[in-house]
Amino acid sequence: MENGQYKKLDGKDAVTRVTIIDDDKPGQIYFEATKNIKAIATDSECVINLLRKNGSDGIVTVDYITK
């Protein structure tokens, strides 16, 4: 800063772009797979991946049941 004025910087590395993401909401939970998920009844576990979209603020929990 010179005499209370900001000095302009030259060059490609003197410019940047800032993207502000609206992350003030918890978002929504989606299944990663869009097709039916099948599991063998005798297996002791089944991994089902979930995705969090359109937000990132706070803790999100998912209640579920198996049938």
C-alpha atoms as a PDB file:
ATOM      1  CA  MET A   1       0.000   0.000   0.000  1.00  0.00           C
ATOM      2  CA  GLU A   2       1.417   3.366  -1.000  1.00  0.00           C
ATOM      3  CA  ASN A   3       0.061   6.629   0.432  1.00  0.00           C
ATOM      4  CA  GLY A   4      -3.139   4.921   1.559  1.00  0.00           C
ATOM      5  CA  GLN A   5      -3.677   3.456  -1.933  1.00  0.00           C
ATOM      6  CA  TYR A   6      -3.389  -0.177  -2.921  1.00  0.00           C
ATOM      7  CA  LYS A   7      -0.708  -0.882  -5.494  1.00  0.00           C
ATOM      8  CA  LYS A   8      -1.880  -2.798  -8.578  1.00  0.00           C
ATOM      9  CA  LEU A   9       0.016  -6.017  -9.162  1.00  0.00           C
ATOM     10  CA  ASP A  10       0.766  -7.168 -12.694  1.00  0.00           C
ATOM     11  CA  GLY A  11       0.950 -10.713 -13.987  1.00  0.00           C
ATOM     12  CA  LYS A  12      -1.254 -13.792 -14.249  1.00  0.00           C
ATOM     13  CA  ASP A  13      -0.423 -14.925 -10.723  1.00  0.00           C
ATOM     14  CA  ALA A  14      -1.740 -11.634  -9.304  1.00  0.00           C
ATOM     15  CA  VAL A  15      -5.362 -12.471 -10.171  1.00  0.00           C
ATOM     16  CA  THR A  16      -7.600 -15.018  -8.478  1.00  0.00           C
ATOM     17  CA  ARG A  17     -11.220 -16.129  -8.518  1.00  0.00           C
ATOM     18  CA  VAL A  18     -13.176 -16.715  -5.319  1.00  0.00           C
ATOM     19  CA  THR A  19     -16.255 -18.932  -5.274  1.00  0.00           C
ATOM     20  CA  ILE A  20     -18.550 -18.610  -2.265  1.00  0.00           C
ATOM     21  CA  ILE A  21     -20.424 -21.817  -1.558  1.00  0.00           C
ATOM     22  CA  ASP A  22     -23.731 -21.689   0.292  1.00  0.00           C
ATOM     23  CA  ASP A  23     -22.831 -24.147   3.043  1.00  0.00           C
ATOM     24  CA  ASP A  24     -25.172 -22.759   5.694  1.00  0.00           C
ATOM     25  CA  LYS A  25     -27.546 -25.699   5.356  1.00  0.00           C
ATOM     26  CA  PRO A  26     -27.033 -29.323   6.377  1.00  0.00           C
ATOM     27  CA  GLY A  27     -27.745 -30.602   2.858  1.00  0.00           C
ATOM     28  CA  GLN A  28     -29.553 -33.726   1.720  1.00  0.00           C
ATOM     29  CA  ILE A  29     -28.546 -37.361   1.943  1.00  0.00           C
ATOM     30  CA  TYR A  30     -28.645 -39.508  -1.203  1.00  0.00           C
ATOM     31  CA  PHE A  31     -27.853 -43.111  -1.979  1.00  0.00           C
ATOM     32  CA  GLU A  32     -24.701 -43.294  -4.093  1.00  0.00           C
ATOM     33  CA  ALA A  33     -26.106 -46.220  -6.107  1.00  0.00           C
ATOM     34  CA  THR A  34     -29.138 -45.378  -8.211  1.00  0.00           C
ATOM     35  CA  LYS A  35     -30.105 -48.997  -8.885  1.00  0.00           C
ATOM     36  CA  ASN A  36     -31.500 -51.624  -6.515  1.00  0.00           C
ATOM     37  CA  ILE A  37     -29.058 -52.763  -3.863  1.00  0.00           C
ATOM     38  CA  LYS A  38     -29.094 -56.501  -3.190  1.00  0.00           C
ATOM     39  CA  ALA A  39     -27.465 -58.400  -0.361  1.00  0.00           C
ATOM     40  CA  ILE A  40     -27.216 -62.076   0.463  1.00  0.00           C
ATOM     41  CA  ALA A  41     -29.302 -62.874   3.556  1.00  0.00           C
ATOM     42  CA  THR A  42     -26.560 -64.988   5.134  1.00  0.00           C
ATOM     43  CA  ASP A  43     -23.953 -62.185   4.912  1.00  0.00           C
ATOM     44  CA  SER A  44     -23.228 -60.424   8.175  1.00  0.00           C
ATOM     45  CA  GLU A  45     -22.914 -56.979   6.595  1.00  0.00           C
ATOM     46  CA  CYS A  46     -23.793 -54.938   3.533  1.00  0.00           C
ATOM     47  CA  VAL A  47     -22.114 -51.633   2.659  1.00  0.00           C
ATOM     48  CA  ILE A  48     -24.429 -48.954   1.274  1.00  0.00           C
ATOM     49  CA  ASN A  49     -22.733 -45.652   0.459  1.00  0.00           C
ATOM     50  CA  LEU A  50     -24.523 -42.367   1.079  1.00  0.00           C
ATOM     51  CA  LEU A  51     -23.661 -38.928  -0.268  1.00  0.00           C
ATOM     52  CA  ARG A  52     -24.230 -35.532   1.294  1.00  0.00           C
ATOM     53  CA  LYS A  53     -25.093 -32.849  -1.274  1.00  0.00           C
ATOM     54  CA  ASN A  54     -26.073 -29.172  -1.277  1.00  0.00           C
ATOM     55  CA  GLY A  55     -24.726 -28.242   2.129  1.00  0.00           C
ATOM     56  CA  SER A  56     -22.084 -28.995   4.685  1.00  0.00           C
ATOM     57  CA  ASP A  57     -23.030 -27.147   7.854  1.00  0.00           C
ATOM     58  CA  GLY A  58     -23.546 -29.143  11.012  1.00  0.00           C
ATOM     59  CA  ILE A  59     -23.863 -32.799  11.851  1.00  0.00           C
ATOM     60  CA  VAL A  60     -26.206 -34.970   9.802  1.00  0.00           C
ATOM     61  CA  THR A  61     -27.618 -38.260  11.049  1.00  0.00           C
ATOM     62  CA  VAL A  62     -29.504 -40.933   9.138  1.00  0.00           C
ATOM     63  CA  ASP A  63     -32.086 -43.193  10.747  1.00  0.00           C
ATOM     64  CA  TYR A  64     -32.568 -46.525   9.008  1.00  0.00           C
ATOM     65  CA  ILE A  65     -34.135 -49.959   9.365  1.00  0.00           C
ATOM     66  CA  THR A  66     -33.460 -53.225   7.591  1.00  0.00           C
ATOM     67  CA  LYS A  67     -36.122 -55.657   6.432  1.00  0.00           C
END
